[in-house]
């Protein structure tokens, strides 16, 4: 029995042995059993027919280097089948190494089954074995060639897609050097692509790049995708914001061999988010922090005071005679007065202090750490003095004053609700005493205020 007949008659046992290896290939996970053996069976049948066909000396020489010069020969049909096999394996997600291993296993499976019959093995002409090996090499070369062509074409398509993408796309080696960078990335850096490749990302003028560098190291260590934000400086002095994704590229040994990066411009989104945040936290008339941001900063200051064992203060301020001004001169003058008053108050405090407008003519001031109570008094005196100066608004002179209530942190309270209530009570005590002054919160003043309120209530009931 010659080798060609042996392959035909023992096709099933050869395929079973081949399948044990083929099942271990990563790409084979996408194929069922029938798909897995389909092309292998066709290849074995085609090789068997090729072995039985006559072969000239020229054809033999060409086949020894993986070529066929006779379009009508069985070897040409074999090449067509090999091409189909290479295309199928590419589409199934095989790697080129797996395609080569597949044919090696096919060769080994045939020869192993053949050698199980010593009589056949001993009677076989060595040229028949050589011709079989040449046929395997020929279909392997053709299959790999088609696979490689498809792979190269796909790589060109991928590279084209990356190059025309408005996103920054680049690939780095483990040392952080650029292997590939698309046009968008080059334009962002103001360089040609050739001047980017080979350089480290740390060499470029990237603002706030430290978090990115930590993320890069973490991707290599943990082999997981990481997302974050990075900032770039641009020619007009503005900053552009990008959201990045760093993805590890693993080799066959599951080790990181490169990092693929994508960066998407989120500057407009960030600007919009910042605008929304500003609108939600700042007063539209004076551009001072509003009640929402005031409560947040007050709670932060309470925590800071507790941590540092320092002292802070809360001012609750009301403009005296504002309602009369607003009613007599109109809302336009009233709004101008609020804007100018907010500027004067802001100029009286320190850089780390916070001035807020709660609404109407009510303002608050959060004084951060101070060493002595006299520091608080000086700021309060300064605000009272500045507010008492005339305001010239649209050729109209307006005279007002301010009343301030002061609660100390943590002496008077350690939570925002009580501090606001106590400062508010102290402010009303300042108004009761004639306005244009400040008062510190005291329990005696609160008791007196409550008594006055009760007397007023009884008077109205009568």
Protein backbone atom coordinates (compact mmCIF):
# COMPACT_ATOMS: atom_id res chain seq x y z
CA UNK A 1 0.00 0.00 0.00
CA UNK A 2 1.39 3.37 -0.95
CA UNK A 3 1.20 6.44 1.29
CA UNK A 4 -1.59 8.07 -0.74
CA UNK A 5 -3.89 5.06 -0.34
CA UNK A 6 -2.97 4.81 3.34
CA UNK A 7 -4.05 8.42 3.94
CA UNK A 8 -7.38 7.83 2.17
CA UNK A 9 -8.17 4.59 4.03
CA UNK A 10 -7.04 5.83 7.47
CA UNK A 11 -8.45 9.34 7.21
CA UNK A 12 -10.56 9.09 10.38
CA UNK A 13 -7.79 7.83 12.69
CA UNK A 14 -5.38 10.48 11.33
CA UNK A 15 -7.94 13.23 11.91
CA UNK A 16 -8.72 12.02 15.43
CA UNK A 17 -5.06 12.21 16.39
CA UNK A 18 -4.75 15.61 14.71
CA UNK A 19 -7.85 16.92 16.52
CA UNK A 20 -6.30 16.35 19.96
CA UNK A 21 -3.67 18.92 19.09
CA UNK A 22 -5.95 21.24 17.13
CA UNK A 23 -8.36 21.54 20.06
CA UNK A 24 -5.58 23.18 22.09
CA UNK A 25 -5.20 26.04 19.61
CA UNK A 26 -6.61 29.36 20.82
CA UNK A 27 -8.32 30.08 17.53
CA UNK A 28 -10.11 26.74 17.52
CA UNK A 29 -12.34 27.95 20.36
CA UNK A 30 -14.34 29.78 17.69
CA UNK A 31 -14.87 26.57 15.67
CA UNK A 32 -17.01 23.49 16.32
CA UNK A 33 -15.69 19.98 15.75
CA UNK A 34 -16.95 19.76 12.16
CA UNK A 35 -15.49 23.14 11.22
CA UNK A 36 -12.22 22.27 12.93
CA UNK A 37 -11.58 19.17 10.82
CA UNK A 38 -13.28 20.37 7.63
CA UNK A 39 -10.28 21.99 5.98
CA UNK A 40 -7.84 19.44 7.41
CA UNK A 41 -9.80 16.61 5.78
CA UNK A 42 -9.91 18.46 2.48
CA UNK A 43 -6.16 19.10 2.68
CA UNK A 44 -5.40 15.44 3.37
CA UNK A 45 -7.60 14.32 0.45
CA UNK A 46 -5.98 16.87 -1.86
CA UNK A 47 -2.46 15.85 -0.77
CA UNK A 48 -3.36 12.19 -1.31
CA UNK A 49 -4.51 12.92 -4.88
CA UNK A 50 -1.38 14.96 -5.51
CA UNK A 51 0.80 12.06 -4.37
CA UNK A 52 -0.89 9.78 -6.91
CA UNK A 53 -0.50 12.21 -9.83
CA UNK A 54 2.59 12.03 -12.08
CA UNK A 55 5.23 14.66 -11.46
CA UNK A 56 7.89 15.99 -13.83
CA UNK A 57 11.40 16.87 -12.74
CA UNK A 58 10.58 20.58 -13.11
CA UNK A 59 7.44 20.23 -11.00
CA UNK A 60 9.40 18.33 -8.38
CA UNK A 61 11.98 21.11 -8.16
CA UNK A 62 9.29 23.77 -7.87
CA UNK A 63 7.38 21.83 -5.25
CA UNK A 64 10.53 21.48 -3.15
CA UNK A 65 10.39 25.26 -2.68
CA UNK A 66 6.60 25.44 -2.33
CA UNK A 67 5.68 26.34 -5.96
CA UNK A 68 3.52 24.86 -8.72
CA UNK A 69 3.99 25.83 -12.38
CA UNK A 70 1.17 23.77 -13.92
CA UNK A 71 -2.27 25.39 -13.63
CA UNK A 72 -4.07 22.17 -14.42
CA UNK A 73 -2.15 19.96 -12.03
CA UNK A 74 -3.40 18.52 -8.76
CA UNK A 75 -0.79 20.64 -7.01
CA UNK A 76 -2.58 23.76 -8.25
CA UNK A 77 -5.85 22.48 -6.83
CA UNK A 78 -3.95 21.80 -3.64
CA UNK A 79 -2.76 25.41 -3.60
CA UNK A 80 -6.34 26.60 -4.04
CA UNK A 81 -7.44 24.50 -1.08
CA UNK A 82 -4.49 25.78 0.93
CA UNK A 83 -5.46 29.36 0.09
CA UNK A 84 -9.00 28.69 1.24
CA UNK A 85 -7.62 27.16 4.43
CA UNK A 86 -5.42 30.19 5.15
CA UNK A 87 -8.32 32.61 4.61
CA UNK A 88 -10.63 30.54 6.81
CA UNK A 89 -8.10 30.35 9.63
CA UNK A 90 -7.51 34.10 9.46
CA UNK A 91 -11.24 34.77 9.71
CA UNK A 92 -11.49 32.33 12.64
CA UNK A 93 -8.97 34.29 14.69
CA UNK A 94 -5.95 31.97 14.42
CA UNK A 95 -2.46 33.41 14.76
CA UNK A 96 0.11 32.69 12.08
CA UNK A 97 2.01 30.54 14.60
CA UNK A 98 -1.12 28.45 15.13
CA UNK A 99 -1.56 27.95 11.38
CA UNK A 100 2.02 26.66 11.11
CA UNK A 101 1.56 24.42 14.16
CA UNK A 102 -1.64 23.04 12.65
CA UNK A 103 0.20 21.78 9.55
CA UNK A 104 3.07 20.40 11.61
CA UNK A 105 0.55 18.42 13.63
CA UNK A 106 -1.09 17.19 10.41
CA UNK A 107 2.27 15.95 9.13
CA UNK A 108 3.08 14.27 12.46
CA UNK A 109 -0.35 12.60 12.64
CA UNK A 110 0.04 10.97 9.19
CA UNK A 111 3.58 9.76 9.81
CA UNK A 112 2.72 8.48 13.30
CA UNK A 113 -0.18 6.39 11.97
CA UNK A 114 2.00 5.18 9.10
CA UNK A 115 4.80 4.09 11.42
CA UNK A 116 2.36 2.02 13.50
CA UNK A 117 2.50 -0.53 10.65
CA UNK A 118 6.18 -1.60 10.49
CA UNK A 119 5.74 -3.57 7.26
CA UNK A 120 4.31 -0.56 5.43
CA UNK A 121 6.92 1.74 6.87
CA UNK A 122 9.80 -0.53 5.81
CA UNK A 123 8.45 -1.10 2.29
CA UNK A 124 7.83 2.58 1.58
CA UNK A 125 10.14 4.31 -0.87
CA UNK A 126 11.86 7.24 0.85
CA UNK A 127 11.01 9.42 -2.16
CA UNK A 128 7.32 8.94 -1.35
CA UNK A 129 7.89 10.28 2.18
CA UNK A 130 9.89 13.18 0.76
CA UNK A 131 7.13 13.97 -1.72
CA UNK A 132 4.57 13.90 1.10
CA UNK A 133 6.69 16.33 3.13
CA UNK A 134 7.04 18.59 0.09
CA UNK A 135 3.27 18.58 -0.39
CA UNK A 136 2.76 19.52 3.26
CA UNK A 137 5.36 22.28 2.88
CA UNK A 138 3.65 23.51 -0.29
CA UNK A 139 0.18 23.81 1.27
CA UNK A 140 1.73 25.30 4.41
CA UNK A 141 3.54 27.96 2.39
CA UNK A 142 0.41 28.80 0.40
CA UNK A 143 -1.83 28.88 3.47
CA UNK A 144 0.60 31.06 5.42
CA UNK A 145 1.06 33.36 2.42
CA UNK A 146 -2.69 33.96 2.12
CA UNK A 147 -2.99 34.33 5.90
CA UNK A 148 -0.16 36.88 5.93
CA UNK A 149 -1.66 38.84 3.02
CA UNK A 150 -5.00 39.08 4.81
CA UNK A 151 -3.23 40.05 8.01
CA UNK A 152 -1.19 42.74 6.25
CA UNK A 153 -4.30 44.10 4.55
CA UNK A 154 -6.12 44.23 7.87
CA UNK A 155 -3.16 45.97 9.48
CA UNK A 156 -3.22 48.59 6.71
CA UNK A 157 -6.94 49.12 7.25
CA UNK A 158 -6.42 49.43 11.00
CA UNK A 159 -3.55 51.87 10.54
CA UNK A 160 -5.60 53.95 8.08
CA UNK A 161 -8.51 54.04 10.53
CA UNK A 162 -6.18 55.09 13.33
CA UNK A 163 -4.49 57.75 11.20
CA UNK A 164 -7.72 59.46 10.16
CA UNK A 165 -9.24 59.25 13.64
CA UNK A 166 -9.60 62.62 15.45
CA UNK A 167 -8.61 60.79 18.65
CA UNK A 168 -5.00 60.51 19.76
CA UNK A 169 -3.90 56.93 19.07
CA UNK A 170 -0.42 55.72 19.91
CA UNK A 171 1.46 52.61 21.04
CA UNK A 172 4.28 52.54 23.58
CA UNK A 173 6.81 49.91 24.53
CA UNK A 174 7.34 48.96 28.16
CA UNK A 175 9.92 51.73 28.56
CA UNK A 176 7.33 54.34 27.59
CA UNK A 177 8.84 55.01 24.15
CA UNK A 178 6.46 55.68 21.26
CA UNK A 179 6.28 52.86 18.69
CA UNK A 180 3.38 54.30 16.70
CA UNK A 181 1.53 57.62 16.74
CA UNK A 182 -1.26 58.83 14.49
CA UNK A 183 -1.61 62.24 12.84
CA UNK A 184 -3.94 63.63 15.52
CA UNK A 185 -1.33 62.89 18.19
CA UNK A 186 1.41 64.47 16.09
CA UNK A 187 -0.71 67.58 15.49
CA UNK A 188 -1.42 67.93 19.22
CA UNK A 189 2.30 67.90 19.99
CA UNK A 190 3.15 70.11 17.00
CA UNK A 191 5.57 67.52 15.61
CA UNK A 192 5.89 65.18 12.64
CA UNK A 193 5.09 61.55 13.37
CA UNK A 194 8.70 60.59 12.65
CA UNK A 195 9.85 62.98 15.39
CA UNK A 196 7.56 61.32 17.93
CA UNK A 197 8.46 57.67 17.38
CA UNK A 198 11.29 56.58 19.66
CA UNK A 199 10.71 59.30 22.24
CA UNK A 200 9.25 58.87 25.71
CA UNK A 201 5.91 60.45 26.52
CA UNK A 202 7.60 62.22 29.44
CA UNK A 203 9.70 64.22 26.94
CA UNK A 204 6.65 66.06 25.61
CA UNK A 205 5.12 69.15 27.21
CA UNK A 206 2.19 67.49 28.94
CA UNK A 207 0.50 69.32 31.81
CA UNK A 208 -0.48 67.27 34.86
CA UNK A 209 1.17 64.17 33.41
CA UNK A 210 2.16 62.59 36.73
CA UNK A 211 -1.14 60.71 37.10
CA UNK A 212 -0.71 59.38 33.56
CA UNK A 213 2.78 58.09 34.38
CA UNK A 214 1.46 56.26 37.44
CA UNK A 215 -1.33 54.77 35.33
CA UNK A 216 1.21 53.62 32.71
CA UNK A 217 3.22 51.74 35.35
CA UNK A 218 0.04 50.26 36.83
CA UNK A 219 -1.06 48.89 33.44
CA UNK A 220 2.21 46.98 33.15
CA UNK A 221 2.04 45.69 36.72
CA UNK A 222 -1.62 44.68 36.79
CA UNK A 223 -2.14 43.90 33.07
CA UNK A 224 -5.49 45.68 33.16
CA UNK A 225 -6.98 48.58 31.22
CA UNK A 226 -6.86 51.95 33.00
CA UNK A 227 -8.79 55.15 32.26
CA UNK A 228 -8.02 58.70 33.30
CA UNK A 229 -7.65 62.31 32.17
CA UNK A 230 -4.66 64.22 30.87
CA UNK A 231 -4.15 67.90 30.01
CA UNK A 232 -2.21 69.41 27.12
CA UNK A 233 -1.05 72.98 26.75
CA UNK A 234 -1.81 74.51 23.34
CA UNK A 235 -0.39 77.47 21.43
CA UNK A 236 -2.86 80.13 22.58
CA UNK A 237 -2.14 79.39 26.23
CA UNK A 238 -5.36 77.50 26.85
CA UNK A 239 -5.56 73.95 28.13
CA UNK A 240 -7.18 71.04 26.32
CA UNK A 241 -8.52 68.06 28.26
CA UNK A 242 -8.36 64.47 27.06
CA UNK A 243 -9.79 61.25 28.47
CA UNK A 244 -7.32 58.40 27.97
CA UNK A 245 -7.51 54.61 27.92
CA UNK A 246 -4.29 52.62 28.39
CA UNK A 247 -4.63 48.98 27.33
CA UNK A 248 -1.93 46.31 27.80
CA UNK A 249 -0.89 44.28 24.74
CA UNK A 250 0.00 40.76 25.90
CA UNK A 251 2.28 38.30 24.11
CA UNK A 252 1.89 34.51 23.92
CA UNK A 253 3.44 34.20 27.39
CA UNK A 254 0.80 36.54 28.84
CA UNK A 255 3.45 39.21 29.43
CA UNK A 256 2.98 42.88 28.56
CA UNK A 257 4.94 43.72 25.43
CA UNK A 258 3.34 47.08 24.61
CA UNK A 259 0.65 49.52 25.72
CA UNK A 260 -1.98 50.81 23.31
CA UNK A 261 -3.33 54.27 24.12
CA UNK A 262 -6.39 56.19 23.00
CA UNK A 263 -7.11 59.80 24.00
CA UNK A 264 -10.40 61.57 23.25
CA UNK A 265 -10.85 65.34 23.43
CA UNK A 266 -13.29 66.18 26.23
CA UNK A 267 -12.50 69.90 26.46
CA UNK A 268 -16.01 70.97 25.42
CA UNK A 269 -17.58 68.48 27.81
CA UNK A 270 -15.36 69.65 30.67
CA UNK A 271 -16.16 73.29 29.90
CA UNK A 272 -19.88 72.50 29.88
CA UNK A 273 -19.61 70.56 33.15
CA UNK A 274 -17.66 73.41 34.75
CA UNK A 275 -20.29 75.89 33.54
CA UNK A 276 -23.08 73.80 35.05
CA UNK A 277 -21.13 73.43 38.31
CA UNK A 278 -20.51 77.19 38.45
CA UNK A 279 -24.17 77.94 37.82
CA UNK A 280 -25.16 75.54 40.59
CA UNK A 281 -22.68 76.91 43.13
CA UNK A 282 -22.28 80.63 42.44
CA UNK A 283 -24.67 83.56 42.68
CA UNK A 284 -25.53 84.84 39.20
CA UNK A 285 -25.63 88.50 40.29
CA UNK A 286 -22.46 88.87 42.39
CA UNK A 287 -20.57 85.73 41.27
CA UNK A 288 -19.97 84.91 44.93
CA UNK A 289 -20.44 81.36 46.24
CA UNK A 290 -24.15 80.73 46.83
CA UNK A 291 -25.90 78.93 49.68
CA UNK A 292 -25.06 75.51 48.23
CA UNK A 293 -21.30 76.12 48.05
CA UNK A 294 -21.39 78.08 51.33
CA UNK A 295 -22.70 75.03 53.23
CA UNK A 296 -20.05 72.82 51.64
CA UNK A 297 -17.19 75.18 52.53
CA UNK A 298 -18.52 75.78 56.03
CA UNK A 299 -18.58 72.04 56.71
CA UNK A 300 -15.06 71.75 55.30
CA UNK A 301 -13.85 74.55 57.55
CA UNK A 302 -15.41 72.89 60.62
CA UNK A 303 -13.50 69.68 59.78
CA UNK A 304 -10.26 71.59 59.15
CA UNK A 305 -10.63 73.39 62.48
CA UNK A 306 -11.10 70.09 64.30
CA UNK A 307 -8.06 68.53 62.60
CA UNK A 308 -5.73 71.48 63.19
CA UNK A 309 -7.11 72.40 66.64
CA UNK A 310 -7.38 76.00 65.43
CA UNK A 311 -10.11 78.66 65.56
CA UNK A 312 -12.39 80.00 62.83
CA UNK A 313 -15.41 82.27 62.64
CA UNK A 314 -18.66 82.70 60.74
CA UNK A 315 -20.06 86.16 59.93
CA UNK A 316 -23.75 86.55 59.11
CA UNK A 317 -24.18 89.96 57.46
CA UNK A 318 -27.27 91.90 56.51
CA UNK A 319 -27.33 95.23 54.64
CA UNK A 320 -29.20 97.88 56.63
CA UNK A 321 -31.76 99.97 54.69
CA UNK A 322 -31.41 97.84 51.56
CA UNK A 323 -35.17 97.25 51.24
CA UNK A 324 -35.84 101.02 51.37
CA UNK A 325 -33.22 101.60 48.64
CA UNK A 326 -34.61 98.82 46.46
CA UNK A 327 -38.21 100.04 46.85
CA UNK A 328 -37.41 103.72 46.19
CA UNK A 329 -34.78 103.47 43.44
CA UNK A 330 -35.82 100.24 41.73
CA UNK A 331 -34.35 96.78 41.27
CA UNK A 332 -31.65 97.91 38.85
CA UNK A 333 -30.10 100.20 41.47
CA UNK A 334 -30.71 97.50 44.08
CA UNK A 335 -28.80 94.94 42.01
CA UNK A 336 -25.93 97.39 41.45
CA UNK A 337 -25.80 98.02 45.19
CA UNK A 338 -25.58 94.30 45.93
CA UNK A 339 -22.75 93.92 43.40
CA UNK A 340 -20.75 96.84 44.78
CA UNK A 341 -21.35 95.79 48.38
CA UNK A 342 -20.11 92.26 47.59
CA UNK A 343 -16.91 93.73 46.13
CA UNK A 344 -16.28 95.86 49.23
CA UNK A 345 -16.85 92.92 51.57
CA UNK A 346 -14.52 90.71 49.50
CA UNK A 347 -11.75 93.32 49.66
CA UNK A 348 -11.93 93.33 53.46
CA UNK A 349 -11.16 89.63 53.97
CA UNK A 350 -8.06 87.50 53.49
CA UNK A 351 -7.33 85.34 50.45
CA UNK A 352 -8.28 82.09 52.18
CA UNK A 353 -11.55 83.43 53.59
CA UNK A 354 -14.86 82.89 51.77
CA UNK A 355 -17.54 85.51 51.10
CA UNK A 356 -20.97 84.15 50.09
CA UNK A 357 -24.34 85.58 49.15
CA UNK A 358 -27.24 83.58 50.54
CA UNK A 359 -29.90 85.62 48.76
CA UNK A 360 -31.48 89.05 49.01
CA UNK A 361 -29.20 91.30 51.06
CA UNK A 362 -27.83 88.47 53.22
CA UNK A 363 -24.13 87.62 53.06
CA UNK A 364 -21.85 85.30 55.01
CA UNK A 365 -18.11 85.29 55.56
CA UNK A 366 -16.17 82.19 56.60
CA UNK A 367 -12.95 83.25 58.31
CA UNK A 368 -10.30 80.55 58.30
CA UNK A 369 -7.70 80.13 61.04
CA UNK A 370 -6.93 83.15 63.22
CA UNK A 371 -4.59 83.48 66.19
CA UNK A 372 -6.46 86.02 68.31
CA UNK A 373 -10.01 87.31 68.65
CA UNK A 374 -8.71 90.78 67.74
CA UNK A 375 -8.08 89.47 64.20
CA UNK A 376 -11.80 88.75 63.87
CA UNK A 377 -12.73 92.16 65.24
CA UNK A 378 -10.40 93.96 62.82
CA UNK A 379 -12.03 92.29 59.81
CA UNK A 380 -15.53 92.97 61.14
CA UNK A 381 -14.64 96.62 61.79
CA UNK A 382 -13.21 96.96 58.29
CA UNK A 383 -16.38 95.58 56.68
CA UNK A 384 -18.62 97.88 58.78
CA UNK A 385 -16.47 100.90 57.83
CA UNK A 386 -16.45 100.12 54.09
CA UNK A 387 -20.19 99.48 53.90
CA UNK A 388 -20.90 102.79 55.67
CA UNK A 389 -19.13 104.74 52.92
CA UNK A 390 -21.46 106.24 50.26
CA UNK A 391 -22.15 104.23 47.07
CA UNK A 392 -22.32 106.20 43.81
CA UNK A 393 -24.57 104.18 41.50
CA UNK A 394 -25.62 105.62 38.13
CA UNK A 395 -25.10 109.17 39.47
CA UNK A 396 -27.19 108.38 42.56
CA UNK A 397 -25.57 108.45 46.00
CA UNK A 398 -26.76 105.63 48.24
CA UNK A 399 -26.03 105.38 51.96
CA UNK A 400 -26.41 102.09 53.78
CA UNK A 401 -24.67 100.22 56.58
CA UNK A 402 -24.17 96.64 57.66
CA UNK A 403 -25.03 94.53 60.68
CA UNK A 404 -22.88 91.49 61.41
CA UNK A 405 -23.43 88.55 63.73
CA UNK A 406 -20.39 86.43 64.61
CA UNK A 407 -20.24 82.80 65.76
CA UNK A 408 -16.89 81.25 66.68
CA UNK A 409 -15.74 77.77 65.65
CA UNK A 410 -15.54 75.58 67.71
CA UNK A 411 -16.29 77.66 70.84
CA UNK A 412 -19.93 78.36 69.95
CA UNK A 413 -20.76 75.25 67.92
CA UNK A 414 -19.27 72.36 65.96
CA UNK A 415 -21.94 71.89 63.29
CA UNK A 416 -23.15 74.12 60.48
CA UNK A 417 -26.81 74.32 61.53
CA UNK A 418 -26.04 75.71 64.99
CA UNK A 419 -23.32 78.03 63.73
CA UNK A 420 -25.64 79.59 61.15
CA UNK A 421 -28.44 79.95 63.70
CA UNK A 422 -26.14 81.52 66.31
CA UNK A 423 -24.52 83.95 63.85
CA UNK A 424 -27.98 84.89 62.59
CA UNK A 425 -29.18 85.54 66.16
CA UNK A 426 -26.10 87.68 66.85
CA UNK A 427 -26.80 89.65 63.66
CA UNK A 428 -30.35 90.45 64.84
CA UNK A 429 -28.90 91.54 68.17
CA UNK A 430 -26.66 93.97 66.24
CA UNK A 431 -29.71 95.34 64.42
CA UNK A 432 -31.64 95.62 67.68
CA UNK A 433 -28.84 97.73 69.08
CA UNK A 434 -29.07 100.23 66.23
CA UNK A 435 -27.40 98.48 63.23
CA UNK A 436 -24.07 99.50 61.63
CA UNK A 437 -22.18 97.27 64.06
CA UNK A 438 -21.21 93.67 64.80
CA UNK A 439 -22.04 91.41 67.72
CA UNK A 440 -20.58 88.11 68.88
CA UNK A 441 -22.98 85.33 69.73
CA UNK A 442 -23.70 84.95 73.45
CA UNK A 443 -26.23 82.87 75.34
CA UNK A 444 -27.40 85.94 77.30
CA UNK A 445 -28.19 87.77 74.09
CA UNK A 446 -30.17 84.79 72.87
CA UNK A 447 -32.20 84.68 76.09
CA UNK A 448 -32.88 88.42 75.82
CA UNK A 449 -33.92 88.03 72.17
CA UNK A 450 -36.32 85.21 73.02
CA UNK A 451 -37.84 87.28 75.83
CA UNK A 452 -38.37 90.24 73.49
CA UNK A 453 -40.00 87.97 70.91
CA UNK A 454 -42.35 86.57 73.56
CA UNK A 455 -43.29 90.09 74.73
CA UNK A 456 -43.97 91.19 71.17
CA UNK A 457 -46.16 88.13 70.65
CA UNK A 458 -48.18 88.90 73.80
CA UNK A 459 -48.54 92.51 72.70
CA UNK A 460 -50.01 91.45 69.34
CA UNK A 461 -52.36 88.96 71.03
CA UNK A 462 -53.81 91.77 73.14
